[in-house]
Every structure is written in structure tokens, then in C-alpha cells.
Amino acid sequence: MTGGGRRRGLYVAAHGLVKAALFALTGVLLDRYGSLDEHALYGRARELRPAGVLFTIGALALAGLPPFGTSLGKALT
């Protein structure tokens, strides 16, 4: 595999892993509360504060901000 292929592969892998993590966190909310409607969830998930922090980190990683793998993949490509 060429250098460019590895770089693109890094970006694709990081992007896919971040999306998978966000999907899993969404599954936690659905399992716990039986709904994904933001109006129904408003104020109910206070005991899941770590999940909220992970959602924020996942959003920043998906946006491609440093120091996440998506940022590294974009920079190398």
C-alpha cells in the first residue's frame, strides 16, 4: 500500500470508529429511556453525565479537530 493509501486508511478507520462509538452511545440512551426524542430526554439523563461528555468528545473528533485520528488523517492526506 502506498503512503497515500495508508493515510486515507487512517482517516477512514478513525472516522468509522468515532461513528461506531456515537452509535453505541445512542444505543445506551435508547436502552435506558426507550426513546431518542430530544424533547422526551430533556433533563432525564443527569445520571449519565459521562455519556454526555463522550458524546461531546465524539462530536469534536468527528468534526476533525486535533488531536483525534480524523484530524491526523486529514493532515497527512
Protein backbone atom coordinates (compact mmCIF):
# COMPACT_ATOMS: atom_id res chain seq x y z
CA MET A 1 0.00 0.00 0.00
CA THR A 2 1.31 3.44 -0.84
CA GLY A 3 1.80 6.22 1.68
CA GLY A 4 -1.35 7.99 0.47
CA GLY A 5 -3.38 4.83 0.85
CA ARG A 6 -2.25 4.38 4.44
CA ARG A 7 -3.09 7.99 5.21
CA ARG A 8 -6.56 7.69 3.74
CA GLY A 9 -6.96 4.39 5.56
CA LEU A 10 -6.11 6.09 8.86
CA TYR A 11 -8.76 8.74 8.24
CA VAL A 12 -11.40 6.19 7.22
CA ALA A 13 -10.63 3.96 10.21
CA ALA A 14 -10.73 6.86 12.69
CA HIS A 15 -13.94 8.21 11.17
CA GLY A 16 -15.59 4.78 11.31
CA LEU A 17 -14.54 4.15 14.91
CA VAL A 18 -15.86 7.52 16.06
CA LYS A 19 -19.19 6.92 14.32
CA ALA A 20 -19.40 3.45 15.87
CA ALA A 21 -18.79 4.90 19.33
CA LEU A 22 -21.51 7.53 18.84
CA PHE A 23 -23.89 4.83 17.60
CA ALA A 24 -23.16 2.74 20.71
CA LEU A 25 -23.80 5.72 22.99
CA THR A 26 -27.11 6.30 21.23
CA GLY A 27 -27.95 2.65 21.91
CA VAL A 28 -27.28 3.23 25.61
CA LEU A 29 -29.78 6.10 25.64
CA LEU A 30 -32.36 4.08 23.74
CA ASP A 31 -31.97 1.09 26.06
CA ARG A 32 -32.14 3.19 29.23
CA TYR A 33 -35.01 5.53 28.29
CA GLY A 34 -36.79 3.83 25.39
CA SER A 35 -36.71 6.98 23.26
CA LEU A 36 -34.30 9.12 21.30
CA ASP A 37 -36.59 12.13 21.08
CA GLU A 38 -34.69 15.14 22.42
CA HIS A 39 -37.86 16.61 23.95
CA ALA A 40 -38.59 13.37 25.82
CA LEU A 41 -34.98 13.07 27.01
CA TYR A 42 -34.59 16.67 28.15
CA GLY A 43 -33.37 16.68 31.76
CA ARG A 44 -33.76 12.93 32.28
CA ALA A 45 -30.20 11.72 31.74
CA ARG A 46 -28.45 13.62 34.50
CA GLU A 47 -27.03 10.40 35.94
CA LEU A 48 -25.47 9.65 32.54
CA ARG A 49 -23.16 12.66 32.59
CA PRO A 50 -20.18 10.58 31.36
CA ALA A 51 -22.21 9.64 28.27
CA GLY A 52 -22.77 13.35 27.59
CA VAL A 53 -19.05 14.01 27.86
CA LEU A 54 -18.35 11.13 25.47
CA PHE A 55 -20.95 12.48 23.00
CA THR A 56 -19.16 15.84 23.06
CA ILE A 57 -15.75 14.27 22.55
CA GLY A 58 -17.15 12.15 19.71
CA ALA A 59 -18.65 15.20 18.03
CA LEU A 60 -15.32 17.04 18.24
CA ALA A 61 -13.48 14.01 16.84
CA LEU A 62 -15.98 13.64 14.00
CA ALA A 63 -15.51 17.32 13.18
CA GLY A 64 -11.82 16.60 12.66
CA LEU A 65 -10.35 18.66 15.46
CA PRO A 66 -6.88 17.85 16.78
CA PRO A 67 -5.64 15.60 18.48
CA PHE A 68 -8.05 12.98 17.12
CA GLY A 69 -7.31 10.45 14.38
CA THR A 70 -9.63 12.13 11.88
CA SER A 71 -7.56 15.30 12.16
CA LEU A 72 -4.33 13.36 11.75
CA GLY A 73 -5.70 11.54 8.70
CA LYS A 74 -6.78 14.80 7.08
CA ALA A 75 -3.45 16.46 7.82
CA LEU A 76 -1.44 13.58 6.39
CA THR A 77 -3.56 13.37 3.26
